[in-house]
Amino acid sequence: MVEHDAPGATRAAYDAVAATYEELFRDSLRDSPLDRAMLGVFAEAVRADGAGRVADLGCGPGHVTAHLDGLGLSAFGVDASPAMIELARRAHPHLRFDVGSMAALDIADGALDGVLSRWSVIHLPPGELPSVLAEFHRVLAPGGHLLIAFSGSEGPAHPTQVFDHTVAPAYRWWPDHLAATLRESGLAETARMVREPQPADRRQFQEIHLLARKA
């Protein structure tokens, strides 16, 4: 697959599996206390420093957006997949969900107190990551918070690695490399959580959660 075709191919792949994806993941937070803990830390930081306006970028069927709403945030979701957005709107009609691209968000400069990106950047070709992180920086207000989750690579010798994702081609990132790219985009890491793979896990790689803040 040629890199410039990646967004369209990923969108089509998620459209094709949207219903199955929703069924598999709608209750995923219930069995993930560490994920809930990081989302709670993120929500508390956002509420402490702003009005609680948060975009869940790559929201899928909207279950995490709804969780953020339950934590007292003014959350809305954005996803490139129209099928995912349709499912999200159906499941959570009281919340806002928009079809859109992380690379060109229809959000004003400095409009948000928080940005959540859970396993959405894994589908970015490495050369596109800096521009997407710059877009996250653009839409965040000064002092705004970013929580980004992704699959970790095996070491600094291989800062990005392609892996066999079930839905679409994807990349793993060495955490220090991604944190450095965040810094270059004006987002300073404030906390990190690393979850090692467990025998029963669907994912067989480290799960990395980085919390960062716009200066």
C-alpha atoms as a PDB file:
ATOM      1  CA  MET A   1       0.000   0.000   0.000  1.00  0.00           C
ATOM      2  CA  VAL A   2       1.320   3.429  -0.956  1.00  0.00           C
ATOM      3  CA  GLU A   3       1.439   5.887   1.957  1.00  0.00           C
ATOM      4  CA  HIS A   4      -0.749   8.511   0.280  1.00  0.00           C
ATOM      5  CA  ASP A   5      -3.560   5.912   0.070  1.00  0.00           C
ATOM      6  CA  ALA A   6      -3.372   5.108   3.791  1.00  0.00           C
ATOM      7  CA  PRO A   7      -6.214   7.350   5.072  1.00  0.00           C
ATOM      8  CA  GLY A   8      -8.727   6.137   2.509  1.00  0.00           C
ATOM      9  CA  ALA A   9      -7.760   2.499   2.941  1.00  0.00           C
ATOM     10  CA  THR A  10      -7.998   2.739   6.729  1.00  0.00           C
ATOM     11  CA  ARG A  11     -11.383   4.464   6.545  1.00  0.00           C
ATOM     12  CA  ALA A  12     -12.764   1.793   4.215  1.00  0.00           C
ATOM     13  CA  ALA A  13     -11.395  -0.998   6.398  1.00  0.00           C
ATOM     14  CA  TYR A  14     -13.064   0.369   9.529  1.00  0.00           C
ATOM     15  CA  ASP A  15     -16.324   0.998   7.673  1.00  0.00           C
ATOM     16  CA  ALA A  16     -16.346  -2.682   6.730  1.00  0.00           C
ATOM     17  CA  VAL A  17     -15.931  -3.954  10.302  1.00  0.00           C
ATOM     18  CA  ALA A  18     -17.764  -1.216  12.235  1.00  0.00           C
ATOM     19  CA  ALA A  19     -20.563  -3.394  13.627  1.00  0.00           C
ATOM     20  CA  THR A  20     -18.172  -6.159  14.700  1.00  0.00           C
ATOM     21  CA  TYR A  21     -15.798  -3.618  16.234  1.00  0.00           C
ATOM     22  CA  GLU A  22     -18.610  -2.065  18.266  1.00  0.00           C
ATOM     23  CA  GLU A  23     -19.665  -5.464  19.583  1.00  0.00           C
ATOM     24  CA  LEU A  24     -16.120  -6.380  20.583  1.00  0.00           C
ATOM     25  CA  PHE A  25     -15.169  -3.106  22.266  1.00  0.00           C
ATOM     26  CA  ARG A  26     -18.343  -1.498  23.634  1.00  0.00           C
ATOM     27  CA  ASP A  27     -17.604  -2.902  27.125  1.00  0.00           C
ATOM     28  CA  SER A  28     -13.814  -2.911  26.886  1.00  0.00           C
ATOM     29  CA  LEU A  29     -13.273  -0.276  29.585  1.00  0.00           C
ATOM     30  CA  ARG A  30     -15.168  -2.405  32.094  1.00  0.00           C
ATOM     31  CA  ASP A  31     -12.322  -4.932  32.027  1.00  0.00           C
ATOM     32  CA  SER A  32      -9.479  -2.391  31.779  1.00  0.00           C
ATOM     33  CA  PRO A  33      -8.904  -0.703  35.157  1.00  0.00           C
ATOM     34  CA  LEU A  34      -5.619   0.856  34.043  1.00  0.00           C
ATOM     35  CA  ASP A  35      -7.306   2.438  31.017  1.00  0.00           C
ATOM     36  CA  ARG A  36     -10.061   3.792  33.255  1.00  0.00           C
ATOM     37  CA  ALA A  37      -7.446   5.142  35.653  1.00  0.00           C
ATOM     38  CA  MET A  38      -5.592   7.034  32.897  1.00  0.00           C
ATOM     39  CA  LEU A  39      -8.843   8.426  31.545  1.00  0.00           C
ATOM     40  CA  GLY A  40      -9.715   9.533  35.080  1.00  0.00           C
ATOM     41  CA  VAL A  41      -6.366  11.298  35.495  1.00  0.00           C
ATOM     42  CA  PHE A  42      -6.842  12.981  32.117  1.00  0.00           C
ATOM     43  CA  ALA A  43     -10.376  14.095  33.007  1.00  0.00           C
ATOM     44  CA  GLU A  44      -9.273  15.489  36.367  1.00  0.00           C
ATOM     45  CA  ALA A  45      -6.422  17.437  34.763  1.00  0.00           C
ATOM     46  CA  VAL A  46      -8.724  18.878  32.101  1.00  0.00           C
ATOM     47  CA  ARG A  47     -11.414  19.887  34.602  1.00  0.00           C
ATOM     48  CA  ALA A  48      -8.833  21.543  36.854  1.00  0.00           C
ATOM     49  CA  ASP A  49      -7.441  23.752  34.083  1.00  0.00           C
ATOM     50  CA  GLY A  50     -10.359  24.535  31.786  1.00  0.00           C
ATOM     51  CA  ALA A  51     -14.017  24.247  30.945  1.00  0.00           C
ATOM     52  CA  GLY A  52     -13.733  20.554  30.111  1.00  0.00           C
ATOM     53  CA  ARG A  53     -14.085  20.763  26.310  1.00  0.00           C
ATOM     54  CA  VAL A  54     -12.579  17.556  24.908  1.00  0.00           C
ATOM     55  CA  ALA A  55     -12.378  15.926  21.484  1.00  0.00           C
ATOM     56  CA  ASP A  56     -12.059  12.141  21.280  1.00  0.00           C
ATOM     57  CA  LEU A  57     -10.167  11.772  17.997  1.00  0.00           C
ATOM     58  CA  GLY A  58     -10.590   8.381  16.392  1.00  0.00           C
ATOM     59  CA  CYS A  59     -13.635   7.807  18.589  1.00  0.00           C
ATOM     60  CA  GLY A  60     -14.906   4.702  16.798  1.00  0.00           C
ATOM     61  CA  PRO A  61     -18.382   3.718  18.040  1.00  0.00           C
ATOM     62  CA  GLY A  62     -18.257   6.318  20.803  1.00  0.00           C
ATOM     63  CA  HIS A  63     -17.980   4.233  23.970  1.00  0.00           C
ATOM     64  CA  VAL A  64     -14.943   6.145  25.263  1.00  0.00           C
ATOM     65  CA  THR A  65     -16.507   9.505  24.365  1.00  0.00           C
ATOM     66  CA  ALA A  66     -19.497   8.489  26.481  1.00  0.00           C
ATOM     67  CA  HIS A  67     -17.155   7.511  29.319  1.00  0.00           C
ATOM     68  CA  LEU A  68     -15.561  10.971  29.216  1.00  0.00           C
ATOM     69  CA  ASP A  69     -19.023  12.510  29.326  1.00  0.00           C
ATOM     70  CA  GLY A  70     -19.697  10.436  32.441  1.00  0.00           C
ATOM     71  CA  LEU A  71     -16.528  11.863  34.006  1.00  0.00           C
ATOM     72  CA  GLY A  72     -17.957  15.368  33.717  1.00  0.00           C
ATOM     73  CA  LEU A  73     -16.289  16.499  30.500  1.00  0.00           C
ATOM     74  CA  SER A  74     -17.950  18.257  27.580  1.00  0.00           C
ATOM     75  CA  ALA A  75     -16.820  15.576  25.146  1.00  0.00           C
ATOM     76  CA  PHE A  76     -17.492  14.984  21.465  1.00  0.00           C
ATOM     77  CA  GLY A  77     -16.106  12.427  19.026  1.00  0.00           C
ATOM     78  CA  VAL A  78     -14.452  12.616  15.608  1.00  0.00           C
ATOM     79  CA  ASP A  79     -13.701   9.648  13.363  1.00  0.00           C
ATOM     80  CA  ALA A  80     -12.780   9.200   9.703  1.00  0.00           C
ATOM     81  CA  SER A  81     -15.202   6.276   9.350  1.00  0.00           C
ATOM     82  CA  PRO A  82     -18.791   7.294   8.548  1.00  0.00           C
ATOM     83  CA  ALA A  83     -19.997   3.851   9.611  1.00  0.00           C
ATOM     84  CA  MET A  84     -18.396   4.264  13.044  1.00  0.00           C
ATOM     85  CA  ILE A  85     -19.941   7.716  13.447  1.00  0.00           C
ATOM     86  CA  GLU A  86     -23.367   6.359  12.527  1.00  0.00           C
ATOM     87  CA  LEU A  87     -23.048   3.695  15.238  1.00  0.00           C
ATOM     88  CA  ALA A  88     -21.824   6.260  17.781  1.00  0.00           C
ATOM     89  CA  ARG A  89     -24.745   8.601  17.095  1.00  0.00           C
ATOM     90  CA  ARG A  90     -27.197   5.729  17.408  1.00  0.00           C
ATOM     91  CA  ALA A  91     -25.735   4.466  20.696  1.00  0.00           C
ATOM     92  CA  HIS A  92     -25.213   7.902  22.279  1.00  0.00           C
ATOM     93  CA  PRO A  93     -27.764  10.310  20.758  1.00  0.00           C
ATOM     94  CA  HIS A  94     -27.159  12.929  23.454  1.00  0.00           C
ATOM     95  CA  LEU A  95     -23.528  13.398  22.340  1.00  0.00           C
ATOM     96  CA  ARG A  96     -21.985  15.019  19.279  1.00  0.00           C
ATOM     97  CA  PHE A  97     -20.094  12.906  16.729  1.00  0.00           C
ATOM     98  CA  ASP A  98     -18.529  14.211  13.504  1.00  0.00           C
ATOM     99  CA  VAL A  99     -16.886  12.577  10.505  1.00  0.00           C
ATOM    100  CA  GLY A 100     -13.455  14.140  10.139  1.00  0.00           C
ATOM    101  CA  SER A 101      -9.711  13.725   9.765  1.00  0.00           C
ATOM    102  CA  MET A 102      -7.115  14.138  12.508  1.00  0.00           C
ATOM    103  CA  ALA A 103      -4.872  15.749   9.923  1.00  0.00           C
ATOM    104  CA  ALA A 104      -7.302  18.617   9.235  1.00  0.00           C
ATOM    105  CA  LEU A 105      -9.722  19.127  12.113  1.00  0.00           C
ATOM    106  CA  ASP A 106     -12.741  21.377  11.690  1.00  0.00           C
ATOM    107  CA  ILE A 107     -12.033  22.899  15.107  1.00  0.00           C
ATOM    108  CA  ALA A 108     -10.932  26.473  15.842  1.00  0.00           C
ATOM    109  CA  ASP A 109      -7.456  27.289  17.133  1.00  0.00           C
ATOM    110  CA  GLY A 110      -7.226  26.890  20.913  1.00  0.00           C
ATOM    111  CA  ALA A 111     -10.840  25.735  21.238  1.00  0.00           C
ATOM    112  CA  LEU A 112     -10.221  22.626  23.350  1.00  0.00           C
ATOM    113  CA  ASP A 113      -9.109  21.921  26.904  1.00  0.00           C
ATOM    114  CA  GLY A 114      -8.284  18.333  26.068  1.00  0.00           C
ATOM    115  CA  VAL A 115      -7.605  15.960  23.191  1.00  0.00           C
ATOM    116  CA  LEU A 116      -7.869  12.192  23.485  1.00  0.00           C
ATOM    117  CA  SER A 117      -6.261   9.936  20.886  1.00  0.00           C
ATOM    118  CA  ARG A 118      -6.499   6.232  21.746  1.00  0.00           C
ATOM    119  CA  TRP A 119      -4.876   3.930  19.196  1.00  0.00           C
ATOM    120  CA  SER A 120      -5.741   6.283  16.352  1.00  0.00           C
ATOM    121  CA  VAL A 121      -2.203   7.444  15.517  1.00  0.00           C
ATOM    122  CA  ILE A 122      -1.093   3.821  15.011  1.00  0.00           C
ATOM    123  CA  HIS A 123      -2.489   3.958  11.485  1.00  0.00           C
ATOM    124  CA  LEU A 124      -0.433   7.010  10.511  1.00  0.00           C
ATOM    125  CA  PRO A 125       2.564   6.453   8.256  1.00  0.00           C
ATOM    126  CA  PRO A 126       5.571   7.690  10.281  1.00  0.00           C
ATOM    127  CA  GLY A 127       6.096  10.746   8.101  1.00  0.00           C
ATOM    128  CA  GLU A 128       2.592  12.007   8.880  1.00  0.00           C
ATOM    129  CA  LEU A 129       2.854  11.847  12.676  1.00  0.00           C
ATOM    130  CA  PRO A 130       4.479  15.286  13.241  1.00  0.00           C
ATOM    131  CA  SER A 131       1.825  17.144  11.249  1.00  0.00           C
ATOM    132  CA  VAL A 132      -1.009  15.390  13.101  1.00  0.00           C
ATOM    133  CA  LEU A 133       0.563  16.179  16.477  1.00  0.00           C
ATOM    134  CA  ALA A 134       0.917  19.790  15.320  1.00  0.00           C
ATOM    135  CA  GLU A 135      -2.826  19.748  14.582  1.00  0.00           C
ATOM    136  CA  PHE A 136      -3.492  18.490  18.139  1.00  0.00           C
ATOM    137  CA  HIS A 137      -1.370  21.390  19.422  1.00  0.00           C
ATOM    138  CA  ARG A 138      -3.268  23.877  17.257  1.00  0.00           C
ATOM    139  CA  VAL A 139      -6.717  23.013  18.602  1.00  0.00           C
ATOM    140  CA  LEU A 140      -5.631  22.891  22.259  1.00  0.00           C
ATOM    141  CA  ALA A 141      -5.903  25.984  24.428  1.00  0.00           C
ATOM    142  CA  PRO A 142      -2.741  27.048  26.308  1.00  0.00           C
ATOM    143  CA  GLY A 143      -2.367  24.617  29.193  1.00  0.00           C
ATOM    144  CA  GLY A 144      -4.598  22.064  27.457  1.00  0.00           C
ATOM    145  CA  HIS A 145      -3.969  18.345  27.900  1.00  0.00           C
ATOM    146  CA  LEU A 146      -3.419  15.482  25.457  1.00  0.00           C
ATOM    147  CA  LEU A 147      -3.761  11.782  26.304  1.00  0.00           C
ATOM    148  CA  ILE A 148      -2.401   9.594  23.534  1.00  0.00           C
ATOM    149  CA  ALA A 149      -2.355   5.789  23.581  1.00  0.00           C
ATOM    150  CA  PHE A 150      -0.487   3.541  21.156  1.00  0.00           C
ATOM    151  CA  SER A 151       1.348   0.236  20.817  1.00  0.00           C
ATOM    152  CA  GLY A 152       5.001   0.283  21.850  1.00  0.00           C
ATOM    153  CA  SER A 153       7.896  -0.897  19.687  1.00  0.00           C
ATOM    154  CA  GLU A 154      10.641  -3.146  20.979  1.00  0.00           C
ATOM    155  CA  GLY A 155      13.418  -0.625  21.509  1.00  0.00           C
ATOM    156  CA  PRO A 156      15.197   2.555  20.435  1.00  0.00           C
ATOM    157  CA  ALA A 157      16.944   0.771  17.579  1.00  0.00           C
ATOM    158  CA  HIS A 158      13.518   0.418  15.955  1.00  0.00           C
ATOM    159  CA  PRO A 159      11.552   3.566  16.868  1.00  0.00           C
ATOM    160  CA  THR A 160       8.721   2.627  14.493  1.00  0.00           C
ATOM    161  CA  GLN A 161       7.704  -0.869  13.468  1.00  0.00           C
ATOM    162  CA  VAL A 162       4.935  -2.089  11.191  1.00  0.00           C
ATOM    163  CA  PHE A 163       2.721  -4.728  12.763  1.00  0.00           C
ATOM    164  CA  ASP A 164      -0.108  -6.967  11.611  1.00  0.00           C
ATOM    165  CA  HIS A 165      -3.190  -5.123  12.852  1.00  0.00           C
ATOM    166  CA  THR A 166      -6.500  -6.948  12.409  1.00  0.00           C
ATOM    167  CA  VAL A 167      -8.219  -4.103  10.547  1.00  0.00           C
ATOM    168  CA  ALA A 168      -5.638  -1.940   8.759  1.00  0.00           C
ATOM    169  CA  PRO A 169      -1.854  -1.532   8.444  1.00  0.00           C
ATOM    170  CA  ALA A 170      -0.450  -0.066  11.643  1.00  0.00           C
ATOM    171  CA  TYR A 171       2.735   1.067  13.350  1.00  0.00           C
ATOM    172  CA  ARG A 172       4.224   0.637  16.800  1.00  0.00           C
ATOM    173  CA  TRP A 173       6.216   3.513  18.302  1.00  0.00           C
ATOM    174  CA  TRP A 174       9.124   3.617  20.720  1.00  0.00           C
ATOM    175  CA  PRO A 175       7.693   5.733  23.608  1.00  0.00           C
ATOM    176  CA  ASP A 176      10.710   8.022  23.926  1.00  0.00           C
ATOM    177  CA  HIS A 177      10.620   8.680  20.179  1.00  0.00           C
ATOM    178  CA  LEU A 178       6.956   9.630  20.250  1.00  0.00           C
ATOM    179  CA  ALA A 179       7.472  11.755  23.362  1.00  0.00           C
ATOM    180  CA  ALA A 180      10.277  13.604  21.565  1.00  0.00           C
ATOM    181  CA  THR A 181       7.986  14.220  18.593  1.00  0.00           C
ATOM    182  CA  LEU A 182       5.391  15.592  21.017  1.00  0.00           C
ATOM    183  CA  ARG A 183       7.988  18.013  22.412  1.00  0.00           C
ATOM    184  CA  GLU A 184       8.876  19.183  18.915  1.00  0.00           C
ATOM    185  CA  SER A 185       5.167  19.904  18.420  1.00  0.00           C
ATOM    186  CA  GLY A 186       4.991  22.010  21.596  1.00  0.00           C
ATOM    187  CA  LEU A 187       3.464  19.312  23.816  1.00  0.00           C
ATOM    188  CA  ALA A 188       5.458  18.370  26.924  1.00  0.00           C
ATOM    189  CA  GLU A 189       5.038  14.906  28.435  1.00  0.00           C
ATOM    190  CA  THR A 190       3.765  15.024  32.030  1.00  0.00           C
ATOM    191  CA  ALA A 191       3.092  11.342  32.752  1.00  0.00           C
ATOM    192  CA  ARG A 192       3.426   7.896  31.216  1.00  0.00           C
ATOM    193  CA  MET A 193       1.787   4.534  31.822  1.00  0.00           C
ATOM    194  CA  VAL A 194       3.179   1.338  30.310  1.00  0.00           C
ATOM    195  CA  ARG A 195       1.095  -1.806  30.363  1.00  0.00           C
ATOM    196  CA  GLU A 196       2.934  -5.032  29.608  1.00  0.00           C
ATOM    197  CA  PRO A 197       1.100  -7.616  27.481  1.00  0.00           C
ATOM    198  CA  GLN A 198      -0.629 -10.371  29.401  1.00  0.00           C
ATOM    199  CA  PRO A 199      -1.161 -13.993  28.269  1.00  0.00           C
ATOM    200  CA  ALA A 200      -4.891 -13.493  27.693  1.00  0.00           C
ATOM    201  CA  ASP A 201      -4.524 -10.186  25.813  1.00  0.00           C
ATOM    202  CA  ARG A 202      -5.660  -9.658  22.242  1.00  0.00           C
ATOM    203  CA  ARG A 203      -2.715  -7.276  21.854  1.00  0.00           C
ATOM    204  CA  GLN A 204       0.741  -8.800  22.200  1.00  0.00           C
ATOM    205  CA  PHE A 205       2.682  -5.546  22.559  1.00  0.00           C
ATOM    206  CA  GLN A 206       3.191  -2.950  25.254  1.00  0.00           C
ATOM    207  CA  GLU A 207       0.351  -0.467  25.575  1.00  0.00           C
ATOM    208  CA  ILE A 208       1.644   3.063  26.118  1.00  0.00           C
ATOM    209  CA  HIS A 209      -0.369   5.989  27.456  1.00  0.00           C
ATOM    210  CA  LEU A 210       1.340   9.406  27.352  1.00  0.00           C
ATOM    211  CA  LEU A 211      -0.159  12.434  29.027  1.00  0.00           C
ATOM    212  CA  ALA A 212       1.155  15.731  27.666  1.00  0.00           C
ATOM    213  CA  ARG A 213       0.374  19.416  28.050  1.00  0.00           C
ATOM    214  CA  LYS A 214       0.525  22.422  25.779  1.00  0.00           C
ATOM    215  CA  ALA A 215       2.784  25.123  27.191  1.00  0.00           C
END
